[in-house]
Amino acid sequence: MEQGLGLLFPVFLGLLQRGQGEQGGSLEVEPPDPVVAVSLGGSQQLTCRLACAGHRTPSVQWRGLDTSLGAVRSDAGSSVLSVRNASLSAAGTRVCVGSCGTHTFQRTVQLLVFAFPDQLTVSPVALVAQQDQEVACTAHNVTPASPEALSLSLLLGDQELEGVQALGWDVEEEPQQGEDLLFRVTERWLLPPLETHTPLTLHCRATMKLPGLKLSRHRAIPGESLGFWPACTQRPQEAPEVPPPSSYEP
């Protein structure tokens, strides 16, 4: 008996879901991602649409959970949520609720606000050839500052530098300007001796990874002599000008 009920339950569930689809509608959100990232001071628009089966008039509305919702414009079948000049307080969950008669639909969107300006600093200002030295790279005025979202690395040319020893990762609050709290993130490495006449440039790279978003910033670390980082400090030599062949007239 229990086995028979177990076989009938999926069939009943399928009929129920199909009946809801016939009598209900389809709720769509644009962009469709469950997590949407917007830069600090930037703008983002979320559009929610609902089409009801038959001639029913849909009702659609955005709602916020413990956060400032933003500007909302709604009409029959759609609702547009606009976030302008986003602050960190704009981050949070937005819920689109739609209904077709007695059938209710719901979609949630998590809004993330990030800051990742092109503000990298490096230390030392210039490297010294053929000796161990500590190198630091700092990303300023960033958020989020977790290692899952932000990473710092050293590149030689376009490849990560091998043989470096990580010395530590520090996160400090930047001097606060306004209501938004931003961070200063520093990573330090012990750099092995590098040979002179290296034909590649050493860079610090900061990478911000968020759902649907990947951004990178670079800052070169020059050497102190022309022979150490020729790619940074030496201009390419121009080819000598070859005079045109002289013509001979009899």
Protein backbone atom coordinates (compact mmCIF):
# COMPACT_ATOMS: atom_id res chain seq x y z
CA MET A 1 0.00 0.00 0.00
CA GLU A 2 2.78 2.43 0.96
CA GLN A 3 4.63 1.56 -2.24
CA GLY A 4 1.51 2.33 -4.29
CA LEU A 5 1.10 5.72 -2.61
CA GLY A 6 4.77 6.43 -3.25
CA LEU A 7 4.25 5.83 -6.97
CA LEU A 8 1.09 7.96 -7.12
CA PHE A 9 2.54 10.96 -5.26
CA PRO A 10 4.92 12.13 -8.06
CA VAL A 11 2.06 11.86 -10.56
CA PHE A 12 -0.20 13.95 -8.32
CA LEU A 13 2.58 16.51 -7.79
CA GLY A 14 3.13 16.78 -11.54
CA LEU A 15 -0.58 17.40 -12.15
CA LEU A 16 -0.60 20.05 -9.42
CA GLN A 17 2.40 21.87 -10.87
CA ARG A 18 0.96 21.74 -14.37
CA GLY A 19 -2.36 23.11 -13.11
CA GLN A 20 -0.55 26.01 -11.47
CA GLY A 21 1.27 26.72 -14.73
CA GLU A 22 -1.97 26.78 -16.70
CA GLN A 23 -3.80 29.02 -14.23
CA GLY A 24 -0.83 31.11 -13.14
CA GLY A 25 1.92 32.87 -15.06
CA SER A 26 5.65 33.34 -15.50
CA LEU A 27 7.63 35.79 -13.35
CA GLU A 28 10.83 37.09 -14.97
CA VAL A 29 13.55 39.33 -13.55
CA GLU A 30 16.16 41.23 -15.58
CA PRO A 31 19.06 40.82 -15.02
CA PRO A 32 18.24 37.17 -14.20
CA ASP A 33 21.16 36.58 -11.80
CA PRO A 34 20.28 35.95 -8.14
CA VAL A 35 23.19 38.21 -7.10
CA VAL A 36 23.82 41.56 -8.84
CA ALA A 37 26.91 43.70 -8.14
CA VAL A 38 26.89 47.49 -8.51
CA SER A 39 29.83 49.83 -7.95
CA LEU A 40 29.81 52.40 -5.17
CA GLY A 41 28.24 55.55 -6.60
CA GLY A 42 26.95 53.64 -9.62
CA SER A 43 23.44 52.84 -10.81
CA GLN A 44 21.51 49.63 -11.38
CA GLN A 45 18.05 48.87 -12.71
CA LEU A 46 16.06 45.72 -11.88
CA THR A 47 12.99 44.91 -13.95
CA CYS A 48 10.36 42.37 -12.92
CA ARG A 49 7.65 41.18 -15.35
CA LEU A 50 4.69 38.86 -15.01
CA ALA A 51 2.43 37.49 -17.73
CA CYS A 52 -0.77 35.80 -16.57
CA ALA A 53 -2.53 33.05 -18.48
CA GLY A 54 -5.87 33.94 -20.01
CA HIS A 55 -7.11 37.50 -19.60
CA ARG A 56 -6.11 38.00 -15.98
CA THR A 57 -4.46 41.28 -15.03
CA PRO A 58 -1.10 40.70 -13.30
CA SER A 59 0.05 42.58 -10.22
CA VAL A 60 3.81 43.10 -9.73
CA GLN A 61 5.67 44.97 -6.99
CA TRP A 62 9.24 45.21 -5.65
CA ARG A 63 9.81 44.99 -1.91
CA GLY A 64 12.90 45.43 0.25
CA LEU A 65 14.04 43.49 3.30
CA ASP A 66 15.66 45.66 5.99
CA THR A 67 17.19 47.96 3.37
CA SER A 68 16.39 51.10 1.43
CA LEU A 69 14.38 49.90 -1.53
CA GLY A 70 15.16 52.55 -4.16
CA ALA A 71 12.90 54.23 -6.71
CA VAL A 72 10.10 51.96 -7.97
CA ARG A 73 7.86 52.46 -10.99
CA SER A 74 5.11 49.88 -11.42
CA ASP A 75 2.31 49.33 -13.90
CA ALA A 76 0.23 46.38 -15.06
CA GLY A 77 2.55 43.43 -15.57
CA SER A 78 5.89 45.05 -14.70
CA SER A 79 7.81 46.84 -11.96
CA VAL A 80 11.13 48.66 -12.38
CA LEU A 81 13.43 49.23 -9.41
CA SER A 82 16.16 51.86 -9.90
CA VAL A 83 19.12 52.30 -7.55
CA ARG A 84 21.08 55.49 -8.26
CA ASN A 85 24.32 56.75 -6.72
CA ALA A 86 24.55 53.50 -4.77
CA SER A 87 25.89 53.67 -1.23
CA LEU A 88 26.89 50.69 0.90
CA SER A 89 23.54 50.93 2.68
CA ALA A 90 21.83 50.05 -0.63
CA ALA A 91 23.17 46.49 -0.41
CA GLY A 92 20.66 43.85 0.59
CA THR A 93 17.80 41.69 -0.62
CA ARG A 94 15.12 42.86 -3.02
CA VAL A 95 11.99 40.77 -3.54
CA CYS A 96 9.71 40.90 -6.56
CA VAL A 97 6.20 39.69 -5.72
CA GLY A 98 3.65 39.06 -8.46
CA SER A 99 0.18 37.61 -8.53
CA CYS A 100 -2.28 36.24 -11.05
CA GLY A 101 -5.59 36.03 -9.25
CA THR A 102 -5.02 33.82 -6.21
CA HIS A 103 -1.65 32.56 -7.46
CA THR A 104 1.40 34.33 -6.02
CA PHE A 105 4.97 34.29 -7.38
CA GLN A 106 8.18 35.54 -5.85
CA ARG A 107 11.79 36.14 -6.95
CA THR A 108 14.63 37.47 -4.79
CA VAL A 109 17.72 39.41 -5.87
CA GLN A 110 20.73 40.07 -3.65
CA LEU A 111 22.28 43.46 -4.44
CA LEU A 112 26.01 43.82 -3.65
CA VAL A 113 27.73 47.22 -3.55
CA PHE A 114 31.50 47.16 -4.12
CA ALA A 115 34.34 49.68 -4.36
CA PHE A 116 37.45 48.94 -6.42
CA PRO A 117 39.11 52.16 -7.65
CA ASP A 118 42.39 52.14 -9.55
CA GLN A 119 44.41 53.08 -6.46
CA LEU A 120 47.32 50.67 -6.05
CA THR A 121 50.57 51.56 -4.29
CA VAL A 122 53.74 49.49 -4.12
CA SER A 123 56.74 49.38 -1.81
CA PRO A 124 59.65 49.79 -2.32
CA VAL A 125 59.43 52.43 -5.02
CA ALA A 126 62.27 50.72 -6.91
CA LEU A 127 63.81 47.25 -6.62
CA VAL A 128 67.49 46.47 -6.19
CA ALA A 129 69.06 43.74 -8.29
CA GLN A 130 70.48 40.48 -6.89
CA GLN A 131 69.33 40.67 -3.27
CA ASP A 132 66.40 39.49 -1.15
CA GLN A 133 63.87 42.21 -0.45
CA GLU A 134 60.37 42.66 0.89
CA VAL A 135 57.72 43.83 -1.56
CA ALA A 136 54.30 45.17 -0.54
CA CYS A 137 51.23 45.90 -2.64
CA THR A 138 48.29 47.90 -1.26
CA ALA A 139 44.80 48.37 -2.68
CA HIS A 140 43.12 51.51 -1.32
CA ASN A 141 39.45 52.37 -0.72
CA VAL A 142 38.06 48.91 -1.48
CA THR A 143 35.14 46.81 -0.28
CA PRO A 144 34.51 43.95 0.24
CA ALA A 145 37.97 43.24 1.64
CA SER A 146 37.72 39.49 2.23
CA PRO A 147 40.22 37.14 0.52
CA GLU A 148 37.27 35.49 -1.23
CA ALA A 149 36.50 38.75 -3.05
CA LEU A 150 39.90 40.47 -3.30
CA SER A 151 43.29 38.97 -4.14
CA LEU A 152 46.76 40.49 -4.61
CA SER A 153 49.59 38.90 -6.58
CA LEU A 154 52.91 39.62 -8.28
CA LEU A 155 53.31 39.20 -12.02
CA LEU A 156 56.50 38.95 -14.03
CA GLY A 157 55.37 39.76 -17.53
CA ASP A 158 51.94 38.13 -17.75
CA GLN A 159 52.72 35.17 -15.44
CA GLU A 160 52.51 34.94 -11.65
CA LEU A 161 55.96 35.23 -10.14
CA GLU A 162 57.23 31.92 -8.73
CA GLY A 163 59.47 31.41 -5.71
CA VAL A 164 58.04 34.24 -3.61
CA GLN A 165 57.24 33.77 0.09
CA ALA A 166 53.99 35.29 1.35
CA LEU A 167 54.63 37.31 4.52
CA GLY A 168 51.14 38.41 5.47
CA TRP A 169 47.80 40.00 4.60
CA ASP A 170 46.62 43.13 6.44
CA VAL A 171 43.25 44.90 6.34
CA GLU A 172 42.82 48.38 7.80
CA GLU A 173 40.01 50.89 7.72
CA GLU A 174 40.57 53.91 5.51
CA PRO A 175 39.95 57.37 7.01
CA GLN A 176 36.18 57.59 6.69
CA GLN A 177 34.70 60.16 4.34
CA GLY A 178 30.93 60.21 4.57
CA GLU A 179 28.90 57.19 5.62
CA ASP A 180 30.66 54.52 3.53
CA LEU A 181 33.35 52.50 5.33
CA LEU A 182 36.16 51.45 2.97
CA PHE A 183 39.34 49.44 3.54
CA ARG A 184 43.04 49.40 2.75
CA VAL A 185 44.34 45.89 1.97
CA THR A 186 48.07 45.11 1.90
CA GLU A 187 49.90 41.90 1.05
CA ARG A 188 53.65 41.43 1.51
CA TRP A 189 56.09 38.99 -0.06
CA LEU A 190 59.78 38.16 0.26
CA LEU A 191 61.19 38.48 -3.22
CA PRO A 192 64.11 36.21 -4.19
CA PRO A 193 67.13 37.73 -5.95
CA LEU A 194 66.28 38.52 -9.55
CA GLU A 195 68.85 38.53 -12.29
CA THR A 196 69.82 41.70 -14.04
CA HIS A 197 68.79 42.36 -17.61
CA THR A 198 65.38 40.77 -17.03
CA PRO A 199 63.40 41.49 -20.21
CA LEU A 200 60.07 41.56 -18.33
CA THR A 201 58.31 44.00 -16.00
CA LEU A 202 57.30 43.15 -12.44
CA HIS A 203 53.72 44.16 -11.61
CA CYS A 204 51.43 44.13 -8.63
CA ARG A 205 47.95 42.91 -9.59
CA ALA A 206 44.76 43.35 -7.58
CA THR A 207 41.72 41.29 -8.62
CA MET A 208 38.13 41.72 -7.44
CA LYS A 209 35.86 38.69 -7.98
CA LEU A 210 32.14 38.90 -7.32
CA PRO A 211 29.21 36.95 -8.80
CA GLY A 212 29.14 37.82 -12.50
CA LEU A 213 32.05 40.26 -12.15
CA LYS A 214 35.86 40.13 -12.38
CA LEU A 215 38.02 43.28 -12.38
CA SER A 216 41.81 43.72 -12.26
CA ARG A 217 44.19 46.61 -11.57
CA HIS A 218 47.94 46.67 -12.25
CA ARG A 219 50.88 48.72 -10.98
CA ALA A 220 54.45 48.33 -12.25
CA ILE A 221 57.39 48.01 -9.82
CA PRO A 222 60.47 49.40 -11.63
CA GLY A 223 64.10 48.60 -10.89
CA GLU A 224 66.63 51.21 -9.80
CA SER A 225 69.03 50.80 -12.72
CA LEU A 226 68.73 50.64 -16.47
CA GLY A 227 70.11 47.12 -16.51
CA PHE A 228 67.59 45.71 -13.98
CA TRP A 229 64.26 46.42 -15.66
CA PRO A 230 65.09 47.44 -19.23
CA ALA A 231 61.47 46.89 -20.28
CA CYS A 232 60.46 49.74 -17.94
CA THR A 233 63.34 52.16 -18.16
CA GLN A 234 65.01 51.81 -21.53
CA ARG A 235 63.57 53.14 -24.70
CA PRO A 236 63.86 50.86 -27.72
CA GLN A 237 66.75 51.84 -29.93
CA GLU A 238 65.75 53.19 -33.27
CA ALA A 239 67.11 51.43 -36.30
CA PRO A 240 69.80 53.46 -38.09
CA GLU A 241 68.53 55.29 -41.09
CA VAL A 242 69.70 53.64 -44.28
CA PRO A 243 70.34 56.10 -47.11
CA PRO A 244 68.56 55.30 -50.34
CA PRO A 245 70.72 53.68 -53.01
CA SER A 246 72.36 56.24 -55.25
CA SER A 247 71.27 56.26 -58.84
CA TYR A 248 73.78 56.29 -61.68
CA GLU A 249 73.11 58.23 -64.80
CA PRO A 250 75.41 57.68 -67.73
